[in-house]
All heavy atoms as atom14 arrays in JSON, in Angstrom:
{
  "sequence": "KRKIQRNLRTLEQAGLVSSENKYQEIINEIAKDIRNQRRYRQHRKAEL",
  "atom14_mask": [
    [1, 1, 1, 1, 1, 1, 1, 1, 1, 0, 0, 0, 0, 0],
    [1, 1, 1, 1, 1, 1, 1, 1, 1, 1, 1, 0, 0, 0],
    [1, 1, 1, 1, 1, 1, 1, 1, 1, 0, 0, 0, 0, 0],
    [1, 1, 1, 1, 1, 1, 1, 1, 0, 0, 0, 0, 0, 0],
    [1, 1, 1, 1, 1, 1, 1, 1, 1, 0, 0, 0, 0, 0],
    [1, 1, 1, 1, 1, 1, 1, 1, 1, 1, 1, 0, 0, 0],
    [1, 1, 1, 1, 1, 1, 1, 1, 0, 0, 0, 0, 0, 0],
    [1, 1, 1, 1, 1, 1, 1, 1, 0, 0, 0, 0, 0, 0],
    [1, 1, 1, 1, 1, 1, 1, 1, 1, 1, 1, 0, 0, 0],
    [1, 1, 1, 1, 1, 1, 1, 0, 0, 0, 0, 0, 0, 0],
    [1, 1, 1, 1, 1, 1, 1, 1, 0, 0, 0, 0, 0, 0],
    [1, 1, 1, 1, 1, 1, 1, 1, 1, 0, 0, 0, 0, 0],
    [1, 1, 1, 1, 1, 1, 1, 1, 1, 0, 0, 0, 0, 0],
    [1, 1, 1, 1, 1, 0, 0, 0, 0, 0, 0, 0, 0, 0],
    [1, 1, 1, 1, 0, 0, 0, 0, 0, 0, 0, 0, 0, 0],
    [1, 1, 1, 1, 1, 1, 1, 1, 0, 0, 0, 0, 0, 0],
    [1, 1, 1, 1, 1, 1, 1, 0, 0, 0, 0, 0, 0, 0],
    [1, 1, 1, 1, 1, 1, 0, 0, 0, 0, 0, 0, 0, 0],
    [1, 1, 1, 1, 1, 1, 0, 0, 0, 0, 0, 0, 0, 0],
    [1, 1, 1, 1, 1, 1, 1, 1, 1, 0, 0, 0, 0, 0],
    [1, 1, 1, 1, 1, 1, 1, 1, 0, 0, 0, 0, 0, 0],
    [1, 1, 1, 1, 1, 1, 1, 1, 1, 0, 0, 0, 0, 0],
    [1, 1, 1, 1, 1, 1, 1, 1, 1, 1, 1, 1, 0, 0],
    [1, 1, 1, 1, 1, 1, 1, 1, 1, 0, 0, 0, 0, 0],
    [1, 1, 1, 1, 1, 1, 1, 1, 1, 0, 0, 0, 0, 0],
    [1, 1, 1, 1, 1, 1, 1, 1, 0, 0, 0, 0, 0, 0],
    [1, 1, 1, 1, 1, 1, 1, 1, 0, 0, 0, 0, 0, 0],
    [1, 1, 1, 1, 1, 1, 1, 1, 0, 0, 0, 0, 0, 0],
    [1, 1, 1, 1, 1, 1, 1, 1, 1, 0, 0, 0, 0, 0],
    [1, 1, 1, 1, 1, 1, 1, 1, 0, 0, 0, 0, 0, 0],
    [1, 1, 1, 1, 1, 0, 0, 0, 0, 0, 0, 0, 0, 0],
    [1, 1, 1, 1, 1, 1, 1, 1, 1, 0, 0, 0, 0, 0],
    [1, 1, 1, 1, 1, 1, 1, 1, 0, 0, 0, 0, 0, 0],
    [1, 1, 1, 1, 1, 1, 1, 1, 0, 0, 0, 0, 0, 0],
    [1, 1, 1, 1, 1, 1, 1, 1, 1, 1, 1, 0, 0, 0],
    [1, 1, 1, 1, 1, 1, 1, 1, 0, 0, 0, 0, 0, 0],
    [1, 1, 1, 1, 1, 1, 1, 1, 1, 0, 0, 0, 0, 0],
    [1, 1, 1, 1, 1, 1, 1, 1, 1, 1, 1, 0, 0, 0],
    [1, 1, 1, 1, 1, 1, 1, 1, 1, 1, 1, 0, 0, 0],
    [1, 1, 1, 1, 1, 1, 1, 1, 1, 1, 1, 1, 0, 0],
    [1, 1, 1, 1, 1, 1, 1, 1, 1, 1, 1, 0, 0, 0],
    [1, 1, 1, 1, 1, 1, 1, 1, 1, 0, 0, 0, 0, 0],
    [1, 1, 1, 1, 1, 1, 1, 1, 1, 1, 0, 0, 0, 0],
    [1, 1, 1, 1, 1, 1, 1, 1, 1, 1, 1, 0, 0, 0],
    [1, 1, 1, 1, 1, 1, 1, 1, 1, 0, 0, 0, 0, 0],
    [1, 1, 1, 1, 1, 0, 0, 0, 0, 0, 0, 0, 0, 0],
    [1, 1, 1, 1, 1, 1, 1, 1, 1, 0, 0, 0, 0, 0],
    [1, 1, 1, 1, 1, 1, 1, 1, 0, 0, 0, 0, 0, 0]
  ],
  "atom14_positions": [
    [[10.34, 5.83, 10.37], [10.21, 6.72, 9.17], [11.57, 6.72, 8.35], [11.51, 6.62, 7.17], [9.92, 8.2, 9.7], [8.5, 8.31, 10.23], [8.38, 9.62, 11.05], [8.49, 10.93, 10.21], [8.16, 12.04, 11.04], [0.0, 0.0, 0.0], [0.0, 0.0, 0.0], [0.0, 0.0, 0.0], [0.0, 0.0, 0.0], [0.0, 0.0, 0.0]],
    [[12.72, 6.69, 8.99], [13.91, 6.6, 8.33], [13.99, 5.3, 7.61], [14.49, 5.2, 6.4], [15.2, 6.79, 9.2], [15.23, 8.36, 9.76], [16.61, 8.44, 10.37], [16.76, 7.79, 11.57], [16.43, 8.25, 12.82], [15.84, 9.39, 12.85], [16.61, 7.54, 13.88], [0.0, 0.0, 0.0], [0.0, 0.0, 0.0], [0.0, 0.0, 0.0]],
    [[13.57, 4.15, 8.18], [13.63, 2.85, 7.65], [12.7, 2.86, 6.38], [13.07, 2.24, 5.35], [13.3, 1.82, 8.58], [13.45, 0.35, 8.04], [13.26, -0.64, 9.16], [13.53, -2.09, 8.65], [14.92, -2.22, 8.18], [0.0, 0.0, 0.0], [0.0, 0.0, 0.0], [0.0, 0.0, 0.0], [0.0, 0.0, 0.0], [0.0, 0.0, 0.0]],
    [[11.57, 3.38, 6.5], [10.57, 3.44, 5.36], [11.16, 4.17, 4.19], [11.14, 3.77, 3.1], [9.27, 4.18, 5.88], [8.52, 3.31, 6.86], [8.39, 4.48, 4.62], [7.36, 4.07, 7.57], [0.0, 0.0, 0.0], [0.0, 0.0, 0.0], [0.0, 0.0, 0.0], [0.0, 0.0, 0.0], [0.0, 0.0, 0.0], [0.0, 0.0, 0.0]],
    [[11.89, 5.3, 4.53], [12.47, 6.19, 3.46], [13.54, 5.3, 2.63], [13.59, 5.4, 1.45], [13.11, 7.38, 3.96], [12.11, 8.49, 4.36], [12.75, 9.58, 5.22], [13.78, 9.48, 5.82], [12.21, 10.75, 4.81], [0.0, 0.0, 0.0], [0.0, 0.0, 0.0], [0.0, 0.0, 0.0], [0.0, 0.0, 0.0], [0.0, 0.0, 0.0]],
    [[14.37, 4.51, 3.4], [15.35, 3.55, 2.69], [14.7, 2.55, 1.99], [15.1, 2.38, 0.88], [16.3, 2.92, 3.87], [17.26, 4.04, 4.65], [18.3, 3.26, 5.33], [17.73, 2.4, 6.39], [17.53, 2.74, 7.64], [17.81, 3.97, 7.99], [17.02, 1.92, 8.53], [0.0, 0.0, 0.0], [0.0, 0.0, 0.0], [0.0, 0.0, 0.0]],
    [[13.71, 1.97, 2.49], [12.97, 0.95, 1.75], [12.28, 1.52, 0.48], [12.31, 0.82, -0.64], [11.89, 0.36, 2.55], [12.52, -0.5, 3.76], [13.68, -0.89, 3.72], [11.71, -1.0, 4.72], [0.0, 0.0, 0.0], [0.0, 0.0, 0.0], [0.0, 0.0, 0.0], [0.0, 0.0, 0.0], [0.0, 0.0, 0.0], [0.0, 0.0, 0.0]],
    [[11.73, 2.72, 0.58], [11.09, 3.33, -0.58], [12.0, 3.52, -1.6], [11.84, 3.47, -2.81], [10.28, 4.61, -0.19], [9.1, 4.32, 0.59], [8.51, 5.67, 1.02], [8.01, 3.63, -0.14], [0.0, 0.0, 0.0], [0.0, 0.0, 0.0], [0.0, 0.0, 0.0], [0.0, 0.0, 0.0], [0.0, 0.0, 0.0], [0.0, 0.0, 0.0]],
    [[13.33, 4.15, -1.35], [14.27, 4.26, -2.28], [14.73, 3.04, -3.04], [14.8, 2.97, -4.27], [15.55, 4.89, -1.75], [15.39, 6.3, -1.37], [16.81, 7.04, -1.01], [17.3, 6.49, 0.17], [17.12, 7.12, 1.42], [16.34, 8.14, 1.41], [17.68, 6.47, 2.48], [0.0, 0.0, 0.0], [0.0, 0.0, 0.0], [0.0, 0.0, 0.0]],
    [[14.79, 1.86, -2.28], [15.12, 0.62, -2.95], [13.97, 0.19, -3.82], [14.22, -0.34, -4.88], [15.25, -0.5, -1.72], [16.36, -0.17, -1.0], [15.65, -1.86, -2.43], [0.0, 0.0, 0.0], [0.0, 0.0, 0.0], [0.0, 0.0, 0.0], [0.0, 0.0, 0.0], [0.0, 0.0, 0.0], [0.0, 0.0, 0.0], [0.0, 0.0, 0.0]],
    [[12.71, 0.37, -3.41], [11.57, -0.02, -4.33], [11.5, 0.88, -5.5], [11.15, 0.4, -6.57], [10.21, 0.1, -3.46], [10.01, -0.84, -2.26], [8.84, -0.5, -1.48], [9.84, -2.32, -2.84], [0.0, 0.0, 0.0], [0.0, 0.0, 0.0], [0.0, 0.0, 0.0], [0.0, 0.0, 0.0], [0.0, 0.0, 0.0], [0.0, 0.0, 0.0]],
    [[11.83, 2.07, -5.36], [11.9, 3.01, -6.52], [12.88, 2.52, -7.62], [12.67, 2.69, -8.7], [11.95, 4.35, -6.14], [11.76, 5.4, -7.22], [11.64, 6.87, -6.75], [12.13, 7.13, -5.54], [11.18, 7.75, -7.43], [0.0, 0.0, 0.0], [0.0, 0.0, 0.0], [0.0, 0.0, 0.0], [0.0, 0.0, 0.0], [0.0, 0.0, 0.0]],
    [[14.07, 2.2, -7.08], [15.08, 1.75, -7.98], [14.78, 0.53, -8.73], [15.02, 0.19, -9.8], [16.36, 1.43, -7.09], [17.1, 2.71, -6.6], [18.27, 2.33, -5.67], [18.54, 1.31, -5.5], [18.79, 3.37, -5.12], [0.0, 0.0, 0.0], [0.0, 0.0, 0.0], [0.0, 0.0, 0.0], [0.0, 0.0, 0.0], [0.0, 0.0, 0.0]],
    [[13.8, -0.27, -8.11], [13.29, -1.58, -8.74], [12.13, -1.34, -9.5], [11.55, -2.18, -10.31], [12.91, -2.6, -7.68], [0.0, 0.0, 0.0], [0.0, 0.0, 0.0], [0.0, 0.0, 0.0], [0.0, 0.0, 0.0], [0.0, 0.0, 0.0], [0.0, 0.0, 0.0], [0.0, 0.0, 0.0], [0.0, 0.0, 0.0], [0.0, 0.0, 0.0]],
    [[11.62, 0.02, -9.63], [10.54, 0.35, -10.44], [9.12, 0.03, -9.92], [8.13, 0.04, -10.58], [0.0, 0.0, 0.0], [0.0, 0.0, 0.0], [0.0, 0.0, 0.0], [0.0, 0.0, 0.0], [0.0, 0.0, 0.0], [0.0, 0.0, 0.0], [0.0, 0.0, 0.0], [0.0, 0.0, 0.0], [0.0, 0.0, 0.0], [0.0, 0.0, 0.0]],
    [[9.05, -0.18, -8.59], [7.81, -0.64, -8.03], [7.0, 0.63, -7.47], [5.77, 0.48, -7.32], [8.07, -1.63, -6.85], [8.69, -2.95, -7.28], [9.03, -3.78, -6.12], [7.8, -3.66, -8.29], [0.0, 0.0, 0.0], [0.0, 0.0, 0.0], [0.0, 0.0, 0.0], [0.0, 0.0, 0.0], [0.0, 0.0, 0.0], [0.0, 0.0, 0.0]],
    [[7.63, 1.68, -7.12], [7.0, 2.89, -6.73], [7.69, 4.06, -7.26], [8.72, 3.94, -7.8], [7.09, 2.96, -5.16], [6.32, 1.92, -4.4], [8.49, 3.13, -4.64], [0.0, 0.0, 0.0], [0.0, 0.0, 0.0], [0.0, 0.0, 0.0], [0.0, 0.0, 0.0], [0.0, 0.0, 0.0], [0.0, 0.0, 0.0], [0.0, 0.0, 0.0]],
    [[7.04, 5.24, -7.15], [7.59, 6.45, -7.67], [7.4, 7.61, -6.7], [6.24, 7.81, -6.22], [6.99, 6.81, -9.07], [7.46, 8.09, -9.52], [0.0, 0.0, 0.0], [0.0, 0.0, 0.0], [0.0, 0.0, 0.0], [0.0, 0.0, 0.0], [0.0, 0.0, 0.0], [0.0, 0.0, 0.0], [0.0, 0.0, 0.0], [0.0, 0.0, 0.0]],
    [[8.48, 8.39, -6.52], [8.39, 9.56, -5.61], [7.68, 10.73, -6.24], [6.99, 11.56, -5.67], [9.73, 10.01, -5.17], [10.6, 10.3, -6.37], [0.0, 0.0, 0.0], [0.0, 0.0, 0.0], [0.0, 0.0, 0.0], [0.0, 0.0, 0.0], [0.0, 0.0, 0.0], [0.0, 0.0, 0.0], [0.0, 0.0, 0.0], [0.0, 0.0, 0.0]],
    [[7.51, 10.62, -7.61], [6.83, 11.71, -8.42], [5.37, 11.69, -8.15], [4.67, 12.75, -8.19], [7.01, 11.53, -10.01], [8.53, 11.71, -10.38], [8.78, 11.55, -11.85], [7.72, 11.31, -12.5], [9.8, 11.69, -12.37], [0.0, 0.0, 0.0], [0.0, 0.0, 0.0], [0.0, 0.0, 0.0], [0.0, 0.0, 0.0], [0.0, 0.0, 0.0]],
    [[4.71, 10.52, -7.9], [3.33, 10.5, -7.56], [3.09, 10.23, -6.12], [2.1, 9.8, -5.6], [2.56, 9.4, -8.35], [3.04, 8.06, -8.02], [3.99, 7.83, -7.24], [2.56, 7.01, -8.8], [0.0, 0.0, 0.0], [0.0, 0.0, 0.0], [0.0, 0.0, 0.0], [0.0, 0.0, 0.0], [0.0, 0.0, 0.0], [0.0, 0.0, 0.0]],
    [[4.2, 10.62, -5.28], [4.2, 10.51, -3.8], [3.77, 9.11, -3.33], [3.13, 8.93, -2.32], [3.06, 11.5, -3.29], [3.32, 13.07, -3.58], [2.3, 13.91, -3.11], [2.63, 15.3, -3.49], [2.74, 15.56, -4.92], [0.0, 0.0, 0.0], [0.0, 0.0, 0.0], [0.0, 0.0, 0.0], [0.0, 0.0, 0.0], [0.0, 0.0, 0.0]],
    [[4.45, 8.14, -3.91], [4.36, 6.78, -3.67], [2.97, 6.16, -3.62], [2.54, 5.35, -2.74], [5.05, 6.5, -2.23], [6.46, 7.09, -2.2], [6.72, 8.23, -1.46], [7.48, 6.44, -2.95], [7.86, 8.73, -1.32], [8.81, 7.05, -2.84], [9.0, 8.24, -2.13], [10.32, 8.74, -2.22], [0.0, 0.0, 0.0], [0.0, 0.0, 0.0]],
    [[2.19, 6.67, -4.57], [0.72, 6.21, -4.5], [0.56, 4.74, -4.7], [-0.35, 4.22, -4.26], [-0.01, 7.05, -5.61], [-1.53, 6.76, -5.59], [-2.03, 7.41, -4.29], [-1.75, 8.48, -3.85], [-3.03, 6.75, -3.77], [0.0, 0.0, 0.0], [0.0, 0.0, 0.0], [0.0, 0.0, 0.0], [0.0, 0.0, 0.0], [0.0, 0.0, 0.0]],
    [[1.5, 4.06, -5.37], [1.41, 2.69, -5.63], [1.3, 1.9, -4.36], [0.5, 1.01, -4.07], [2.61, 2.17, -6.39], [2.69, 2.71, -7.81], [3.4, 3.88, -7.85], [3.84, 4.55, -6.84], [3.66, 4.49, -8.98], [0.0, 0.0, 0.0], [0.0, 0.0, 0.0], [0.0, 0.0, 0.0], [0.0, 0.0, 0.0], [0.0, 0.0, 0.0]],
    [[2.17, 2.19, -3.38], [2.2, 1.47, -2.13], [1.0, 1.89, -1.24], [0.45, 1.03, -0.56], [3.47, 1.71, -1.32], [3.67, 0.7, -0.33], [3.58, 3.08, -0.64], [5.19, 0.42, 0.28], [0.0, 0.0, 0.0], [0.0, 0.0, 0.0], [0.0, 0.0, 0.0], [0.0, 0.0, 0.0], [0.0, 0.0, 0.0], [0.0, 0.0, 0.0]],
    [[0.43, 3.18, -1.36], [-0.74, 3.58, -0.71], [-1.87, 2.64, -1.2], [-2.79, 2.27, -0.32], [-0.96, 5.0, -0.86], [0.15, 5.81, -0.14], [-2.3, 5.36, -0.22], [0.32, 5.64, 1.27], [0.0, 0.0, 0.0], [0.0, 0.0, 0.0], [0.0, 0.0, 0.0], [0.0, 0.0, 0.0], [0.0, 0.0, 0.0], [0.0, 0.0, 0.0]],
    [[-1.91, 2.57, -2.41], [-3.03, 1.73, -3.04], [-2.92, 0.33, -2.55], [-4.01, -0.35, -2.31], [-2.93, 1.72, -4.64], [-3.23, 3.05, -5.1], [-3.81, 3.91, -4.39], [-2.9, 3.35, -6.38], [0.0, 0.0, 0.0], [0.0, 0.0, 0.0], [0.0, 0.0, 0.0], [0.0, 0.0, 0.0], [0.0, 0.0, 0.0], [0.0, 0.0, 0.0]],
    [[-1.78, -0.31, -2.52], [-1.58, -1.65, -1.93], [-1.97, -1.81, -0.48], [-2.56, -2.91, -0.18], [-0.15, -2.05, -2.13], [0.41, -2.41, -3.51], [-0.43, -3.57, -4.14], [-0.57, -4.58, -3.47], [-0.63, -3.38, -5.29], [0.0, 0.0, 0.0], [0.0, 0.0, 0.0], [0.0, 0.0, 0.0], [0.0, 0.0, 0.0], [0.0, 0.0, 0.0]],
    [[-1.67, -0.72, 0.24], [-2.11, -0.82, 1.56], [-3.63, -0.8, 1.84], [-4.27, -1.58, 2.52], [-1.5, 0.33, 2.43], [0.02, 0.12, 2.6], [-2.15, 0.5, 3.92], [0.66, 1.33, 3.14], [0.0, 0.0, 0.0], [0.0, 0.0, 0.0], [0.0, 0.0, 0.0], [0.0, 0.0, 0.0], [0.0, 0.0, 0.0], [0.0, 0.0, 0.0]],
    [[-4.44, 0.04, 0.95], [-5.83, 0.04, 0.93], [-6.38, -1.14, 0.49], [-7.39, -1.67, 1.1], [-6.22, 1.24, -0.01], [0.0, 0.0, 0.0], [0.0, 0.0, 0.0], [0.0, 0.0, 0.0], [0.0, 0.0, 0.0], [0.0, 0.0, 0.0], [0.0, 0.0, 0.0], [0.0, 0.0, 0.0], [0.0, 0.0, 0.0], [0.0, 0.0, 0.0]],
    [[-5.75, -1.92, -0.51], [-6.32, -3.15, -0.94], [-6.13, -4.16, 0.18], [-7.14, -4.94, 0.54], [-5.45, -3.54, -2.13], [-6.09, -4.87, -2.8], [-5.17, -5.42, -3.88], [-4.9, -4.38, -5.02], [-4.2, -4.86, -6.11], [0.0, 0.0, 0.0], [0.0, 0.0, 0.0], [0.0, 0.0, 0.0], [0.0, 0.0, 0.0], [0.0, 0.0, 0.0]],
    [[-4.97, -4.2, 1.01], [-4.84, -5.05, 1.97], [-5.81, -4.86, 3.09], [-6.33, -5.89, 3.75], [-3.35, -4.87, 2.63], [-2.26, -5.44, 1.67], [-2.65, -6.16, 0.7], [-1.18, -5.16, 1.91], [0.0, 0.0, 0.0], [0.0, 0.0, 0.0], [0.0, 0.0, 0.0], [0.0, 0.0, 0.0], [0.0, 0.0, 0.0], [0.0, 0.0, 0.0]],
    [[-6.19, -3.59, 3.5], [-7.18, -3.31, 4.39], [-8.58, -3.74, 4.05], [-9.23, -4.48, 4.88], [-7.06, -1.86, 4.67], [-5.82, -1.4, 5.34], [-8.5, -1.51, 5.64], [-5.76, 0.14, 5.56], [0.0, 0.0, 0.0], [0.0, 0.0, 0.0], [0.0, 0.0, 0.0], [0.0, 0.0, 0.0], [0.0, 0.0, 0.0], [0.0, 0.0, 0.0]],
    [[-8.84, -3.59, 2.77], [-10.19, -4.21, 2.29], [-10.25, -5.74, 2.29], [-11.21, -6.23, 2.83], [-10.39, -3.65, 0.83], [-10.81, -2.23, 0.68], [-11.39, -1.96, -0.71], [-10.5, -2.31, -1.8], [-9.55, -1.42, -2.28], [-9.41, -0.23, -1.86], [-8.76, -1.84, -3.22], [0.0, 0.0, 0.0], [0.0, 0.0, 0.0], [0.0, 0.0, 0.0]],
    [[-9.19, -6.29, 1.98], [-9.14, -7.84, 2.0], [-9.22, -8.33, 3.44], [-9.82, -9.3, 3.66], [-7.94, -8.28, 1.24], [-7.9, -8.08, -0.18], [-8.99, -7.96, -0.75], [-6.81, -8.12, -0.8], [0.0, 0.0, 0.0], [0.0, 0.0, 0.0], [0.0, 0.0, 0.0], [0.0, 0.0, 0.0], [0.0, 0.0, 0.0], [0.0, 0.0, 0.0]],
    [[-8.43, -7.56, 4.29], [-8.55, -7.94, 5.74], [-9.98, -7.81, 6.33], [-10.37, -8.67, 7.04], [-7.46, -7.16, 6.55], [-7.23, -7.67, 7.94], [-6.2, -6.7, 8.64], [-6.34, -5.52, 8.73], [-5.19, -7.41, 9.19], [0.0, 0.0, 0.0], [0.0, 0.0, 0.0], [0.0, 0.0, 0.0], [0.0, 0.0, 0.0], [0.0, 0.0, 0.0]],
    [[-10.64, -6.77, 5.9], [-12.01, -6.49, 6.41], [-12.94, -7.7, 5.83], [-13.81, -8.19, 6.7], [-12.58, -5.12, 5.86], [-13.91, -4.79, 6.53], [-14.38, -3.38, 6.0], [-13.42, -2.37, 6.7], [-12.7, -1.5, 5.87], [-12.69, -1.69, 4.55], [-11.9, -0.7, 6.43], [0.0, 0.0, 0.0], [0.0, 0.0, 0.0], [0.0, 0.0, 0.0]],
    [[-12.68, -7.97, 4.56], [-13.54, -9.17, 4.02], [-13.25, -10.45, 4.77], [-14.23, -11.17, 5.01], [-13.22, -9.32, 2.57], [-13.78, -8.1, 1.6], [-13.78, -8.62, 0.2], [-13.92, -7.34, -0.65], [-13.01, -6.78, -1.31], [-11.69, -7.16, -1.14], [-13.17, -5.71, -1.98], [0.0, 0.0, 0.0], [0.0, 0.0, 0.0], [0.0, 0.0, 0.0]],
    [[-11.89, -10.64, 5.09], [-11.61, -11.83, 5.82], [-12.22, -11.84, 7.11], [-12.7, -12.98, 7.58], [-10.1, -11.93, 5.71], [-9.47, -13.06, 6.69], [-9.6, -14.39, 6.29], [-9.01, -12.78, 8.02], [-9.25, -15.45, 7.18], [-8.62, -13.81, 8.8], [-8.72, -15.07, 8.33], [-8.24, -16.11, 9.3], [0.0, 0.0, 0.0], [0.0, 0.0, 0.0]],
    [[-12.17, -10.76, 7.81], [-12.78, -10.69, 9.18], [-14.28, -10.91, 9.05], [-14.79, -11.7, 9.97], [-12.49, -9.46, 9.86], [-10.96, -9.17, 10.29], [-10.69, -7.95, 10.81], [-9.38, -7.82, 11.28], [-8.65, -6.7, 11.73], [-9.38, -5.59, 11.63], [-7.52, -6.73, 12.16], [0.0, 0.0, 0.0], [0.0, 0.0, 0.0], [0.0, 0.0, 0.0]],
    [[-15.01, -10.4, 8.18], [-16.39, -10.61, 8.02], [-16.63, -12.03, 7.64], [-17.64, -12.53, 8.16], [-16.93, -9.77, 6.88], [-16.95, -8.19, 7.3], [-17.37, -7.38, 6.0], [-17.23, -7.74, 4.9], [-17.57, -6.05, 6.34], [0.0, 0.0, 0.0], [0.0, 0.0, 0.0], [0.0, 0.0, 0.0], [0.0, 0.0, 0.0], [0.0, 0.0, 0.0]],
    [[-15.87, -12.67, 6.8], [-16.07, -14.02, 6.46], [-15.9, -14.93, 7.71], [-16.6, -15.83, 8.0], [-15.17, -14.43, 5.34], [-15.18, -15.84, 4.91], [-16.33, -16.43, 4.27], [-14.18, -16.92, 5.19], [-15.94, -17.72, 4.1], [-14.79, -18.03, 4.66], [0.0, 0.0, 0.0], [0.0, 0.0, 0.0], [0.0, 0.0, 0.0], [0.0, 0.0, 0.0]],
    [[-14.77, -14.65, 8.33], [-14.41, -15.44, 9.58], [-15.66, -15.32, 10.7], [-15.94, -16.17, 11.29], [-13.05, -14.92, 10.19], [-12.6, -15.8, 11.36], [-11.26, -15.42, 11.76], [-11.18, -14.15, 12.32], [-10.06, -13.54, 12.81], [-8.94, -14.15, 12.81], [-10.16, -12.28, 13.26], [0.0, 0.0, 0.0], [0.0, 0.0, 0.0], [0.0, 0.0, 0.0]],
    [[-16.02, -14.07, 10.81], [-17.18, -13.82, 11.74], [-18.41, -14.7, 11.33], [-18.94, -15.28, 12.28], [-17.55, -12.39, 11.86], [-18.52, -12.06, 12.89], [-18.7, -10.43, 12.94], [-19.81, -10.12, 13.95], [-19.97, -8.62, 14.08], [0.0, 0.0, 0.0], [0.0, 0.0, 0.0], [0.0, 0.0, 0.0], [0.0, 0.0, 0.0], [0.0, 0.0, 0.0]],
    [[-18.76, -14.6, 10.07], [-19.88, -15.48, 9.54], [-19.68, -16.97, 9.8], [-20.58, -17.65, 10.22], [-20.1, -15.13, 8.11], [0.0, 0.0, 0.0], [0.0, 0.0, 0.0], [0.0, 0.0, 0.0], [0.0, 0.0, 0.0], [0.0, 0.0, 0.0], [0.0, 0.0, 0.0], [0.0, 0.0, 0.0], [0.0, 0.0, 0.0], [0.0, 0.0, 0.0]],
    [[-18.38, -17.4, 9.63], [-18.05, -18.82, 9.88], [-18.21, -19.19, 11.34], [-18.76, -20.17, 11.72], [-16.69, -19.11, 9.46], [-16.51, -19.13, 7.82], [-17.31, -20.28, 7.29], [-17.24, -21.36, 7.74], [-18.05, -20.01, 6.2], [0.0, 0.0, 0.0], [0.0, 0.0, 0.0], [0.0, 0.0, 0.0], [0.0, 0.0, 0.0], [0.0, 0.0, 0.0]],
    [[-17.8, -18.23, 12.24], [-17.87, -18.44, 13.53], [-19.33, -18.49, 14.11], [-19.67, -19.29, 14.84], [-17.14, -17.27, 14.35], [-15.58, -17.35, 14.39], [-15.04, -16.21, 15.06], [-15.06, -18.62, 15.13], [0.0, 0.0, 0.0], [0.0, 0.0, 0.0], [0.0, 0.0, 0.0], [0.0, 0.0, 0.0], [0.0, 0.0, 0.0], [0.0, 0.0, 0.0]]
  ]
}
């Protein structure tokens, strides 16, 4: 958790996330990664 806080401050300074919206940008990115991973697994299962 402490490492995440340090990384988030670095990302906020770079303008990639904002503490004002509770770091919603990175949460959206995580949700997108999970959806893509699910699609990849489904595709891989179909290929298998």
